[in-house]
C-alpha cells in the first residue's frame, strides 16, 4: 500500500468537511434532497480519488498529463472559469428581472 501524503490528508479532511457542510445546508432546508445527494456523492468521489489517485492514471495517459496534481490544477481552473461565467449569466438575468420590476413599480406609482 502506498504511503499517504500530507496533501492527501488535507484533501480528505477538506472532503469530509464539505460533506458535513453540505449536510448542514440540507438540514437547514437550503438544499433539496437532489442537491444534497449530488454534492454528497461529489465530495465522496473527491475523497476516494484523493485516497486512490491511481484511478485517474488511464485518463491522465490519454490526455498526456504527467502528474495527477497537474490534472487537478487544470480541472480546477476550468471549473473556476465555468462557475464564473455561469454566475455572471445568473446575475445578469436577475439584474434584468429586477430592472423590469422596478420599472413596473415606478410606472404604477406615476
PDB file of N, CA and C in Angstrom:
ATOM      1  N   UNK A   1       0.854  -1.182   0.000  1.00  0.00           N
ATOM      2  CA  UNK A   1       0.000   0.000   0.000  1.00  0.00           C
ATOM      3  C   UNK A   1       0.897   1.243   0.000  1.00  0.00           C
ATOM      4  N   UNK A   2       0.491   2.217  -0.758  1.00  0.00           N
ATOM      5  CA  UNK A   2       1.270   3.445  -0.887  1.00  0.00           C
ATOM      6  C   UNK A   2       1.118   4.302   0.363  1.00  0.00           C
ATOM      7  N   UNK A   3       2.137   5.076   0.618  1.00  0.00           N
ATOM      8  CA  UNK A   3       2.140   5.987   1.759  1.00  0.00           C
ATOM      9  C   UNK A   3       1.219   7.170   1.470  1.00  0.00           C
ATOM     10  N   UNK A   4       0.424   7.570   2.448  1.00  0.00           N
ATOM     11  CA  UNK A   4      -0.478   8.711   2.288  1.00  0.00           C
ATOM     12  C   UNK A   4       0.329   9.986   2.518  1.00  0.00           C
ATOM     13  N   UNK A   5       0.258  10.889   1.561  1.00  0.00           N
ATOM     14  CA  UNK A   5       0.986  12.148   1.634  1.00  0.00           C
ATOM     15  C   UNK A   5       0.198  13.188   2.432  1.00  0.00           C
ATOM     16  N   UNK A   6       0.904  14.236   2.873  1.00  0.00           N
ATOM     17  CA  UNK A   6       0.254  15.306   3.625  1.00  0.00           C
ATOM     18  C   UNK A   6      -0.852  15.991   2.845  1.00  0.00           C
ATOM     19  N   UNK A   7      -0.631  16.175   1.539  1.00  0.00           N
ATOM     20  CA  UNK A   7      -1.654  16.825   0.712  1.00  0.00           C
ATOM     21  C   UNK A   7      -2.901  15.945   0.607  1.00  0.00           C
ATOM     22  N   UNK A   8      -2.703  14.619   0.653  1.00  0.00           N
ATOM     23  CA  UNK A   8      -3.851  13.720   0.628  1.00  0.00           C
ATOM     24  C   UNK A   8      -4.650  13.837   1.925  1.00  0.00           C
ATOM     25  N   UNK A   9      -3.968  13.957   3.025  1.00  0.00           N
ATOM     26  CA  UNK A   9      -4.656  14.124   4.314  1.00  0.00           C
ATOM     27  C   UNK A   9      -5.463  15.413   4.298  1.00  0.00           C
ATOM     28  N   UNK A  10      -4.863  16.482   3.785  1.00  0.00           N
ATOM     29  CA  UNK A  10      -5.587  17.755   3.657  1.00  0.00           C
ATOM     30  C   UNK A  10      -6.813  17.591   2.760  1.00  0.00           C
ATOM     31  N   UNK A  11      -6.645  16.907   1.635  1.00  0.00           N
ATOM     32  CA  UNK A  11      -7.760  16.684   0.715  1.00  0.00           C
ATOM     33  C   UNK A  11      -8.870  15.874   1.344  1.00  0.00           C
ATOM     34  N   UNK A  12      -8.506  14.845   2.106  1.00  0.00           N
ATOM     35  CA  UNK A  12      -9.507  14.013   2.771  1.00  0.00           C
ATOM     36  C   UNK A  12     -10.258  14.827   3.822  1.00  0.00           C
ATOM     37  N   UNK A  13      -9.533  15.587   4.625  1.00  0.00           N
ATOM     38  CA  UNK A  13     -10.184  16.435   5.637  1.00  0.00           C
ATOM     39  C   UNK A  13     -11.107  17.459   4.984  1.00  0.00           C
ATOM     40  N   UNK A  14     -10.636  18.058   3.888  1.00  0.00           N
ATOM     41  CA  UNK A  14     -11.464  19.023   3.169  1.00  0.00           C
ATOM     42  C   UNK A  14     -12.730  18.348   2.630  1.00  0.00           C
ATOM     43  N   UNK A  15     -12.576  17.164   2.041  1.00  0.00           N
ATOM     44  CA  UNK A  15     -13.734  16.440   1.505  1.00  0.00           C
ATOM     45  C   UNK A  15     -14.756  16.116   2.583  1.00  0.00           C
ATOM     46  N   UNK A  16     -14.283  15.636   3.746  1.00  0.00           N
ATOM     47  CA  UNK A  16     -15.209  15.327   4.834  1.00  0.00           C
ATOM     48  C   UNK A  16     -15.856  16.592   5.389  1.00  0.00           C
ATOM     49  N   UNK A  17     -15.094  17.677   5.477  1.00  0.00           N
ATOM     50  CA  UNK A  17     -15.681  18.939   5.919  1.00  0.00           C
ATOM     51  C   UNK A  17     -16.780  19.386   4.964  1.00  0.00           C
ATOM     52  N   UNK A  18     -16.530  19.274   3.666  1.00  0.00           N
ATOM     53  CA  UNK A  18     -17.534  19.697   2.685  1.00  0.00           C
ATOM     54  C   UNK A  18     -18.764  18.790   2.715  1.00  0.00           C
ATOM     55  N   UNK A  19     -18.571  17.503   3.000  1.00  0.00           N
ATOM     56  CA  UNK A  19     -19.721  16.602   3.163  1.00  0.00           C
ATOM     57  C   UNK A  19     -20.575  17.068   4.345  1.00  0.00           C
ATOM     58  N   UNK A  20     -19.927  17.409   5.440  1.00  0.00           N
ATOM     59  CA  UNK A  20     -20.634  17.897   6.623  1.00  0.00           C
ATOM     60  C   UNK A  20     -21.323  19.226   6.335  1.00  0.00           C
ATOM     61  N   UNK A  21     -20.632  20.129   5.645  1.00  0.00           N
ATOM     62  CA  UNK A  21     -21.189  21.435   5.283  1.00  0.00           C
ATOM     63  C   UNK A  21     -22.429  21.265   4.393  1.00  0.00           C
ATOM     64  N   UNK A  22     -22.345  20.334   3.456  1.00  0.00           N
ATOM     65  CA  UNK A  22     -23.485  20.026   2.587  1.00  0.00           C
ATOM     66  C   UNK A  22     -24.649  19.505   3.416  1.00  0.00           C
ATOM     67  N   UNK A  23     -24.349  18.636   4.374  1.00  0.00           N
ATOM     68  CA  UNK A  23     -25.383  18.097   5.262  1.00  0.00           C
ATOM     69  C   UNK A  23     -26.061  19.213   6.053  1.00  0.00           C
ATOM     70  N   UNK A  24     -25.268  20.165   6.547  1.00  0.00           N
ATOM     71  CA  UNK A  24     -25.860  21.285   7.291  1.00  0.00           C
ATOM     72  C   UNK A  24     -26.827  22.088   6.431  1.00  0.00           C
ATOM     73  N   UNK A  25     -26.438  22.342   5.175  1.00  0.00           N
ATOM     74  CA  UNK A  25     -27.330  23.073   4.274  1.00  0.00           C
ATOM     75  C   UNK A  25     -28.606  22.287   4.003  1.00  0.00           C
ATOM     76  N   UNK A  26     -28.491  20.991   3.911  1.00  0.00           N
ATOM     77  CA  UNK A  26     -29.681  20.157   3.703  1.00  0.00           C
ATOM     78  C   UNK A  26     -30.592  20.223   4.932  1.00  0.00           C
ATOM     79  N   UNK A  27     -30.016  20.138   6.131  1.00  0.00           N
ATOM     80  CA  UNK A  27     -30.818  20.177   7.352  1.00  0.00           C
ATOM     81  C   UNK A  27     -31.506  21.528   7.544  1.00  0.00           C
ATOM     82  N   UNK A  28     -30.881  22.602   7.054  1.00  0.00           N
ATOM     83  CA  UNK A  28     -31.483  23.938   7.146  1.00  0.00           C
ATOM     84  C   UNK A  28     -32.501  24.174   6.037  1.00  0.00           C
ATOM     85  N   UNK A  29     -32.741  23.150   5.236  1.00  0.00           N
ATOM     86  CA  UNK A  29     -33.686  23.214   4.106  1.00  0.00           C
ATOM     87  C   UNK A  29     -33.215  24.174   3.017  1.00  0.00           C
ATOM     88  N   UNK A  30     -31.893  24.377   2.925  1.00  0.00           N
ATOM     89  CA  UNK A  30     -31.337  25.228   1.876  1.00  0.00           C
ATOM     90  C   UNK A  30     -31.014  24.414   0.622  1.00  0.00           C
ATOM     91  N   UNK A  31     -30.905  23.083   0.761  1.00  0.00           N
ATOM     92  CA  UNK A  31     -30.696  22.170  -0.360  1.00  0.00           C
ATOM     93  C   UNK A  31     -31.858  21.197  -0.419  1.00  0.00           C
ATOM     94  N   UNK A  32     -32.269  20.857  -1.632  1.00  0.00           N
ATOM     95  CA  UNK A  32     -33.243  19.789  -1.798  1.00  0.00           C
ATOM     96  C   UNK A  32     -32.517  18.457  -1.646  1.00  0.00           C
ATOM     97  N   UNK A  33     -33.269  17.370  -1.617  1.00  0.00           N
ATOM     98  CA  UNK A  33     -32.649  16.055  -1.493  1.00  0.00           C
ATOM     99  C   UNK A  33     -31.786  15.747  -2.720  1.00  0.00           C
ATOM    100  N   UNK A  34     -32.212  16.225  -3.900  1.00  0.00           N
ATOM    101  CA  UNK A  34     -31.415  16.006  -5.112  1.00  0.00           C
ATOM    102  C   UNK A  34     -30.095  16.767  -5.042  1.00  0.00           C
ATOM    103  N   UNK A  35     -30.145  18.016  -4.609  1.00  0.00           N
ATOM    104  CA  UNK A  35     -28.929  18.810  -4.478  1.00  0.00           C
ATOM    105  C   UNK A  35     -27.995  18.198  -3.433  1.00  0.00           C
ATOM    106  N   UNK A  36     -28.583  17.804  -2.316  1.00  0.00           N
ATOM    107  CA  UNK A  36     -27.785  17.181  -1.265  1.00  0.00           C
ATOM    108  C   UNK A  36     -27.133  15.898  -1.768  1.00  0.00           C
ATOM    109  N   UNK A  37     -27.890  15.073  -2.455  1.00  0.00           N
ATOM    110  CA  UNK A  37     -27.353  13.809  -2.978  1.00  0.00           C
ATOM    111  C   UNK A  37     -26.226  14.061  -3.965  1.00  0.00           C
ATOM    112  N   UNK A  38     -26.420  15.012  -4.877  1.00  0.00           N
ATOM    113  CA  UNK A  38     -25.389  15.323  -5.863  1.00  0.00           C
ATOM    114  C   UNK A  38     -24.095  15.744  -5.181  1.00  0.00           C
ATOM    115  N   UNK A  39     -24.197  16.709  -4.268  1.00  0.00           N
ATOM    116  CA  UNK A  39     -22.990  17.224  -3.621  1.00  0.00           C
ATOM    117  C   UNK A  39     -22.345  16.191  -2.711  1.00  0.00           C
ATOM    118  N   UNK A  40     -23.165  15.384  -2.037  1.00  0.00           N
ATOM    119  CA  UNK A  40     -22.601  14.357  -1.163  1.00  0.00           C
ATOM    120  C   UNK A  40     -21.817  13.333  -1.987  1.00  0.00           C
ATOM    121  N   UNK A  41     -22.367  12.899  -3.106  1.00  0.00           N
ATOM    122  CA  UNK A  41     -21.666  11.953  -3.984  1.00  0.00           C
ATOM    123  C   UNK A  41     -20.420  12.612  -4.570  1.00  0.00           C
ATOM    124  N   UNK A  42     -20.519  13.874  -4.959  1.00  0.00           N
ATOM    125  CA  UNK A  42     -19.366  14.599  -5.493  1.00  0.00           C
ATOM    126  C   UNK A  42     -18.224  14.606  -4.488  1.00  0.00           C
ATOM    127  N   UNK A  43     -18.522  14.949  -3.227  1.00  0.00           N
ATOM    128  CA  UNK A  43     -17.470  15.018  -2.215  1.00  0.00           C
ATOM    129  C   UNK A  43     -16.974  13.629  -1.837  1.00  0.00           C
ATOM    130  N   UNK A  44     -17.834  12.636  -1.861  1.00  0.00           N
ATOM    131  CA  UNK A  44     -17.389  11.264  -1.595  1.00  0.00           C
ATOM    132  C   UNK A  44     -16.414  10.807  -2.684  1.00  0.00           C
ATOM    133  N   UNK A  45     -16.718  11.116  -3.946  1.00  0.00           N
ATOM    134  CA  UNK A  45     -15.795  10.787  -5.039  1.00  0.00           C
ATOM    135  C   UNK A  45     -14.487  11.556  -4.895  1.00  0.00           C
ATOM    136  N   UNK A  46     -14.575  12.780  -4.450  1.00  0.00           N
ATOM    137  CA  UNK A  46     -13.373  13.579  -4.204  1.00  0.00           C
ATOM    138  C   UNK A  46     -12.470  12.892  -3.179  1.00  0.00           C
ATOM    139  N   UNK A  47     -13.067  12.397  -2.092  1.00  0.00           N
ATOM    140  CA  UNK A  47     -12.291  11.714  -1.053  1.00  0.00           C
ATOM    141  C   UNK A  47     -11.676  10.429  -1.606  1.00  0.00           C
ATOM    142  N   UNK A  48     -12.449   9.667  -2.373  1.00  0.00           N
ATOM    143  CA  UNK A  48     -11.941   8.415  -2.942  1.00  0.00           C
ATOM    144  C   UNK A  48     -10.782   8.689  -3.895  1.00  0.00           C
ATOM    145  N   UNK A  49     -10.929   9.671  -4.763  1.00  0.00           N
ATOM    146  CA  UNK A  49      -9.857   9.999  -5.710  1.00  0.00           C
ATOM    147  C   UNK A  49      -8.637  10.546  -4.974  1.00  0.00           C
ATOM    148  N   UNK A  50      -8.873  11.261  -3.879  1.00  0.00           N
ATOM    149  CA  UNK A  50      -7.751  11.745  -3.076  1.00  0.00           C
ATOM    150  C   UNK A  50      -6.996  10.573  -2.441  1.00  0.00           C
ATOM    151  N   UNK A  51      -7.733   9.578  -1.972  1.00  0.00           N
ATOM    152  CA  UNK A  51      -7.107   8.395  -1.374  1.00  0.00           C
ATOM    153  C   UNK A  51      -6.416   7.507  -2.411  1.00  0.00           C
ATOM    154  N   UNK A  52      -7.051   7.356  -3.574  1.00  0.00           N
ATOM    155  CA  UNK A  52      -6.546   6.448  -4.607  1.00  0.00           C
ATOM    156  C   UNK A  52      -6.384   7.196  -5.935  1.00  0.00           C
ATOM    157  N   UNK A  53      -5.395   8.069  -6.050  1.00  0.00           N
ATOM    158  CA  UNK A  53      -5.234   8.855  -7.278  1.00  0.00           C
ATOM    159  C   UNK A  53      -4.872   7.997  -8.501  1.00  0.00           C
ATOM    160  N   UNK A  54      -4.439   6.757  -8.293  1.00  0.00           N
ATOM    161  CA  UNK A  54      -4.102   5.894  -9.421  1.00  0.00           C
ATOM    162  C   UNK A  54      -5.325   5.532 -10.261  1.00  0.00           C
ATOM    163  N   UNK A  55      -6.535   5.757  -9.729  1.00  0.00           N
ATOM    164  CA  UNK A  55      -7.753   5.536 -10.523  1.00  0.00           C
ATOM    165  C   UNK A  55      -7.772   6.443 -11.754  1.00  0.00           C
ATOM    166  N   UNK A  56      -7.092   7.567 -11.677  1.00  0.00           N
ATOM    167  CA  UNK A  56      -7.090   8.530 -12.778  1.00  0.00           C
ATOM    168  C   UNK A  56      -5.994   8.256 -13.811  1.00  0.00           C
ATOM    169  N   UNK A  57      -5.118   7.279 -13.566  1.00  0.00           N
ATOM    170  CA  UNK A  57      -3.997   7.019 -14.467  1.00  0.00           C
ATOM    171  C   UNK A  57      -4.411   6.785 -15.923  1.00  0.00           C
ATOM    172  N   UNK A  58      -5.467   5.990 -16.209  1.00  0.00           N
ATOM    173  CA  UNK A  58      -5.855   5.831 -17.623  1.00  0.00           C
ATOM    174  C   UNK A  58      -6.263   7.154 -18.280  1.00  0.00           C
ATOM    175  N   UNK A  59      -6.970   7.989 -17.542  1.00  0.00           N
ATOM    176  CA  UNK A  59      -7.382   9.291 -18.070  1.00  0.00           C
ATOM    177  C   UNK A  59      -6.166  10.189 -18.283  1.00  0.00           C
ATOM    178  N   UNK A  60      -5.240  10.176 -17.338  1.00  0.00           N
ATOM    179  CA  UNK A  60      -4.050  11.007 -17.440  1.00  0.00           C
ATOM    180  C   UNK A  60      -3.190  10.603 -18.632  1.00  0.00           C
ATOM    181  N   UNK A  61      -3.043   9.309 -18.872  1.00  0.00           N
ATOM    182  CA  UNK A  61      -2.234   8.875 -20.019  1.00  0.00           C
ATOM    183  C   UNK A  61      -2.931   9.224 -21.333  1.00  0.00           C
ATOM    184  N   UNK A  62      -4.249   9.142 -21.365  1.00  0.00           N
ATOM    185  CA  UNK A  62      -4.996   9.519 -22.569  1.00  0.00           C
ATOM    186  C   UNK A  62      -4.815  11.000 -22.880  1.00  0.00           C
ATOM    187  N   UNK A  63      -4.834  11.831 -21.845  1.00  0.00           N
ATOM    188  CA  UNK A  63      -4.706  13.283 -22.021  1.00  0.00           C
ATOM    189  C   UNK A  63      -3.248  13.748 -22.065  1.00  0.00           C
ATOM    190  N   UNK A  64      -2.317  12.827 -21.925  1.00  0.00           N
ATOM    191  CA  UNK A  64      -0.877  13.133 -21.907  1.00  0.00           C
ATOM    192  C   UNK A  64      -0.511  14.117 -20.796  1.00  0.00           C
ATOM    193  N   UNK A  65      -1.056  13.882 -19.627  1.00  0.00           N
ATOM    194  CA  UNK A  65      -0.740  14.689 -18.450  1.00  0.00           C
ATOM    195  C   UNK A  65       0.153  13.845 -17.552  1.00  0.00           C
ATOM    196  N   UNK A  66       1.287  14.420 -17.158  1.00  0.00           N
ATOM    197  CA  UNK A  66       2.305  13.648 -16.445  1.00  0.00           C
ATOM    198  C   UNK A  66       1.916  13.322 -14.998  1.00  0.00           C
ATOM    199  N   UNK A  67       1.394  14.310 -14.270  1.00  0.00           N
ATOM    200  CA  UNK A  67       1.121  14.099 -12.855  1.00  0.00           C
ATOM    201  C   UNK A  67      -0.344  14.337 -12.539  1.00  0.00           C
ATOM    202  N   UNK A  68      -0.823  13.648 -11.524  1.00  0.00           N
ATOM    203  CA  UNK A  68      -2.220  13.801 -11.096  1.00  0.00           C
ATOM    204  C   UNK A  68      -2.484  15.214 -10.600  1.00  0.00           C
ATOM    205  N   UNK A  69      -1.515  15.796  -9.922  1.00  0.00           N
ATOM    206  CA  UNK A  69      -1.693  17.164  -9.416  1.00  0.00           C
ATOM    207  C   UNK A  69      -1.879  18.152 -10.566  1.00  0.00           C
ATOM    208  N   UNK A  70      -1.145  17.944 -11.669  1.00  0.00           N
ATOM    209  CA  UNK A  70      -1.332  18.802 -12.847  1.00  0.00           C
ATOM    210  C   UNK A  70      -2.771  18.716 -13.355  1.00  0.00           C
ATOM    211  N   UNK A  71      -3.307  17.505 -13.364  1.00  0.00           N
ATOM    212  CA  UNK A  71      -4.702  17.308 -13.799  1.00  0.00           C
ATOM    213  C   UNK A  71      -5.662  18.081 -12.902  1.00  0.00           C
ATOM    214  N   UNK A  72      -5.459  17.979 -11.578  1.00  0.00           N
ATOM    215  CA  UNK A  72      -6.339  18.682 -10.655  1.00  0.00           C
ATOM    216  C   UNK A  72      -6.234  20.194 -10.806  1.00  0.00           C
ATOM    217  N   UNK A  73      -5.042  20.694 -11.069  1.00  0.00           N
ATOM    218  CA  UNK A  73      -4.868  22.136 -11.263  1.00  0.00           C
ATOM    219  C   UNK A  73      -5.595  22.589 -12.525  1.00  0.00           C
ATOM    220  N   UNK A  74      -5.434  21.849 -13.617  1.00  0.00           N
ATOM    221  CA  UNK A  74      -6.117  22.183 -14.871  1.00  0.00           C
ATOM    222  C   UNK A  74      -7.629  22.101 -14.685  1.00  0.00           C
ATOM    223  N   UNK A  75      -8.098  21.011 -14.067  1.00  0.00           N
ATOM    224  CA  UNK A  75      -9.537  20.843 -13.842  1.00  0.00           C
ATOM    225  C   UNK A  75     -10.074  21.956 -12.944  1.00  0.00           C
ATOM    226  N   UNK A  76      -9.290  22.358 -11.947  1.00  0.00           N
ATOM    227  CA  UNK A  76      -9.710  23.432 -11.050  1.00  0.00           C
ATOM    228  C   UNK A  76      -9.873  24.755 -11.772  1.00  0.00           C
ATOM    229  N   UNK A  77      -8.905  25.079 -12.635  1.00  0.00           N
ATOM    230  CA  UNK A  77      -9.016  26.322 -13.402  1.00  0.00           C
ATOM    231  C   UNK A  77     -10.225  26.285 -14.341  1.00  0.00           C
ATOM    232  N   UNK A  78     -10.440  25.161 -15.007  1.00  0.00           N
ATOM    233  CA  UNK A  78     -11.597  25.052 -15.898  1.00  0.00           C
ATOM    234  C   UNK A  78     -12.897  25.192 -15.116  1.00  0.00           C
ATOM    235  N   UNK A  79     -12.954  24.572 -13.946  1.00  0.00           N
ATOM    236  CA  UNK A  79     -14.140  24.663 -13.106  1.00  0.00           C
ATOM    237  C   UNK A  79     -14.380  26.105 -12.662  1.00  0.00           C
ATOM    238  N   UNK A  80     -13.325  26.793 -12.241  1.00  0.00           N
ATOM    239  CA  UNK A  80     -13.478  28.191 -11.808  1.00  0.00           C
ATOM    240  C   UNK A  80     -13.948  29.088 -12.950  1.00  0.00           C
ATOM    241  N   UNK A  81     -13.412  28.879 -14.148  1.00  0.00           N
ATOM    242  CA  UNK A  81     -13.852  29.663 -15.307  1.00  0.00           C
ATOM    243  C   UNK A  81     -15.320  29.397 -15.597  1.00  0.00           C
ATOM    244  N   UNK A  82     -15.714  28.125 -15.573  1.00  0.00           N
ATOM    245  CA  UNK A  82     -17.114  27.771 -15.821  1.00  0.00           C
ATOM    246  C   UNK A  82     -18.038  28.410 -14.779  1.00  0.00           C
ATOM    247  N   UNK A  83     -17.681  28.287 -13.510  1.00  0.00           N
ATOM    248  CA  UNK A  83     -18.516  28.835 -12.439  1.00  0.00           C
ATOM    249  C   UNK A  83     -18.611  30.350 -12.542  1.00  0.00           C
ATOM    250  N   UNK A  84     -17.517  31.007 -12.915  1.00  0.00           N
ATOM    251  CA  UNK A  84     -17.537  32.465 -13.063  1.00  0.00           C
ATOM    252  C   UNK A  84     -18.497  32.886 -14.172  1.00  0.00           C
ATOM    253  N   UNK A  85     -18.423  32.233 -15.312  1.00  0.00           N
ATOM    254  CA  UNK A  85     -19.319  32.573 -16.432  1.00  0.00           C
ATOM    255  C   UNK A  85     -20.762  32.249 -16.071  1.00  0.00           C
ATOM    256  N   UNK A  86     -20.992  31.104 -15.443  1.00  0.00           N
ATOM    257  CA  UNK A  86     -22.345  30.710 -15.045  1.00  0.00           C
ATOM    258  C   UNK A  86     -22.930  31.712 -14.047  1.00  0.00           C
ATOM    259  N   UNK A  87     -22.148  32.092 -13.050  1.00  0.00           N
ATOM    260  CA  UNK A  87     -22.607  33.063 -12.061  1.00  0.00           C
ATOM    261  C   UNK A  87     -22.895  34.408 -12.714  1.00  0.00           C
ATOM    262  N   UNK A  88     -22.051  34.825 -13.640  1.00  0.00           N
ATOM    263  CA  UNK A  88     -22.264  36.085 -14.343  1.00  0.00           C
ATOM    264  C   UNK A  88     -23.597  36.061 -15.091  1.00  0.00           C
ATOM    265  N   UNK A  89     -23.897  34.953 -15.779  1.00  0.00           N
ATOM    266  CA  UNK A  89     -25.159  34.886 -16.529  1.00  0.00           C
ATOM    267  C   UNK A  89     -26.363  34.918 -15.592  1.00  0.00           C
ATOM    268  N   UNK A  90     -26.266  34.257 -14.461  1.00  0.00           N
ATOM    269  CA  UNK A  90     -27.366  34.273 -13.482  1.00  0.00           C
ATOM    270  C   UNK A  90     -27.561  35.694 -12.943  1.00  0.00           C
ATOM    271  N   UNK A  91     -26.479  36.368 -12.612  1.00  0.00           N
ATOM    272  CA  UNK A  91     -26.564  37.734 -12.093  1.00  0.00           C
ATOM    273  C   UNK A  91     -27.183  38.661 -13.135  1.00  0.00           C
ATOM    274  N   UNK A  92     -26.790  38.516 -14.394  1.00  0.00           N
ATOM    275  CA  UNK A  92     -27.350  39.357 -15.453  1.00  0.00           C
ATOM    276  C   UNK A  92     -28.858  39.116 -15.598  1.00  0.00           C
ATOM    277  N   UNK A  93     -29.289  37.859 -15.553  1.00  0.00           N
ATOM    278  CA  UNK A  93     -30.725  37.556 -15.646  1.00  0.00           C
ATOM    279  C   UNK A  93     -31.477  38.199 -14.487  1.00  0.00           C
ATOM    280  N   UNK A  94     -30.935  38.061 -13.275  1.00  0.00           N
ATOM    281  CA  UNK A  94     -31.584  38.653 -12.105  1.00  0.00           C
ATOM    282  C   UNK A  94     -31.596  40.176 -12.184  1.00  0.00           C
ATOM    283  N   UNK A  95     -30.534  40.742 -12.713  1.00  0.00           N
ATOM    284  CA  UNK A  95     -30.466  42.189 -12.859  1.00  0.00           C
ATOM    285  C   UNK A  95     -31.551  42.673 -13.827  1.00  0.00           C
ATOM    286  N   UNK A  96     -31.730  41.980 -14.937  1.00  0.00           N
ATOM    287  CA  UNK A  96     -32.767  42.372 -15.904  1.00  0.00           C
ATOM    288  C   UNK A  96     -34.158  42.224 -15.310  1.00  0.00           C
ATOM    289  N   UNK A  97     -34.385  41.149 -14.551  1.00  0.00           N
ATOM    290  CA  UNK A  97     -35.684  40.963 -13.907  1.00  0.00           C
ATOM    291  C   UNK A  97     -35.956  42.062 -12.887  1.00  0.00           C
ATOM    292  N   UNK A  98     -34.938  42.413 -12.112  1.00  0.00           N
ATOM    293  CA  UNK A  98     -35.082  43.470 -11.114  1.00  0.00           C
ATOM    294  C   UNK A  98     -35.361  44.812 -11.775  1.00  0.00           C
ATOM    295  N   UNK A  99     -34.669  45.106 -12.860  1.00  0.00           N
ATOM    296  CA  UNK A  99     -34.922  46.353 -13.587  1.00  0.00           C
ATOM    297  C   UNK A  99     -36.358  46.401 -14.097  1.00  0.00           C
ATOM    298  N   UNK A 100     -36.849  45.272 -14.575  1.00  0.00           N
ATOM    299  CA  UNK A 100     -38.229  45.222 -15.076  1.00  0.00           C
ATOM    300  C   UNK A 100     -39.229  45.450 -13.947  1.00  0.00           C
ATOM    301  N   UNK A 101     -39.003  44.842 -12.805  1.00  0.00           N
ATOM    302  CA  UNK A 101     -39.902  45.025 -11.651  1.00  0.00           C
ATOM    303  C   UNK A 101     -39.861  46.475 -11.183  1.00  0.00           C
ATOM    304  N   UNK A 102     -38.681  47.055 -11.090  1.00  0.00           N
ATOM    305  CA  UNK A 102     -38.557  48.452 -10.669  1.00  0.00           C
ATOM    306  C   UNK A 102     -39.257  49.370 -11.666  1.00  0.00           C
ATOM    307  N   UNK A 103     -39.106  49.078 -12.952  1.00  0.00           N
ATOM    308  CA  UNK A 103     -39.772  49.888 -13.974  1.00  0.00           C
ATOM    309  C   UNK A 103     -41.291  49.796 -13.832  1.00  0.00           C
ATOM    310  N   UNK A 104     -41.809  48.585 -13.601  1.00  0.00           N
ATOM    311  CA  UNK A 104     -43.256  48.431 -13.454  1.00  0.00           C
ATOM    312  C   UNK A 104     -43.781  49.136 -12.201  1.00  0.00           C
ATOM    313  N   UNK A 105     -43.042  49.045 -11.099  1.00  0.00           N
ATOM    314  CA  UNK A 105     -43.452  49.723  -9.870  1.00  0.00           C
ATOM    315  C   UNK A 105     -43.435  51.233 -10.061  1.00  0.00           C
ATOM    316  N   UNK A 106     -42.413  51.729 -10.760  1.00  0.00           N
ATOM    317  CA  UNK A 106     -42.315  53.173 -10.998  1.00  0.00           C
ATOM    318  C   UNK A 106     -43.471  53.654 -11.865  1.00  0.00           C
ATOM    319  N   UNK A 107     -43.842  52.866 -12.867  1.00  0.00           N
ATOM    320  CA  UNK A 107     -44.960  53.261 -13.747  1.00  0.00           C
ATOM    321  C   UNK A 107     -46.288  53.227 -12.998  1.00  0.00           C
ATOM    322  N   UNK A 108     -46.457  52.257 -12.069  1.00  0.00           N
ATOM    323  CA  UNK A 108     -47.697  52.185 -11.286  1.00  0.00           C
ATOM    324  C   UNK A 108     -47.816  53.375 -10.337  1.00  0.00           C
ATOM    325  N   UNK A 109     -46.711  53.815  -9.771  1.00  0.00           N
ATOM    326  CA  UNK A 109     -46.735  54.954  -8.843  1.00  0.00           C
ATOM    327  C   UNK A 109     -46.995  56.258  -9.575  1.00  0.00           C
ATOM    328  N   UNK A 110     -46.626  56.317 -10.830  1.00  0.00           N
ATOM    329  CA  UNK A 110     -46.796  57.534 -11.609  1.00  0.00           C
ATOM    330  C   UNK A 110     -48.237  57.634 -12.003  1.00  0.00           C
TER     331      UNK A 110
END
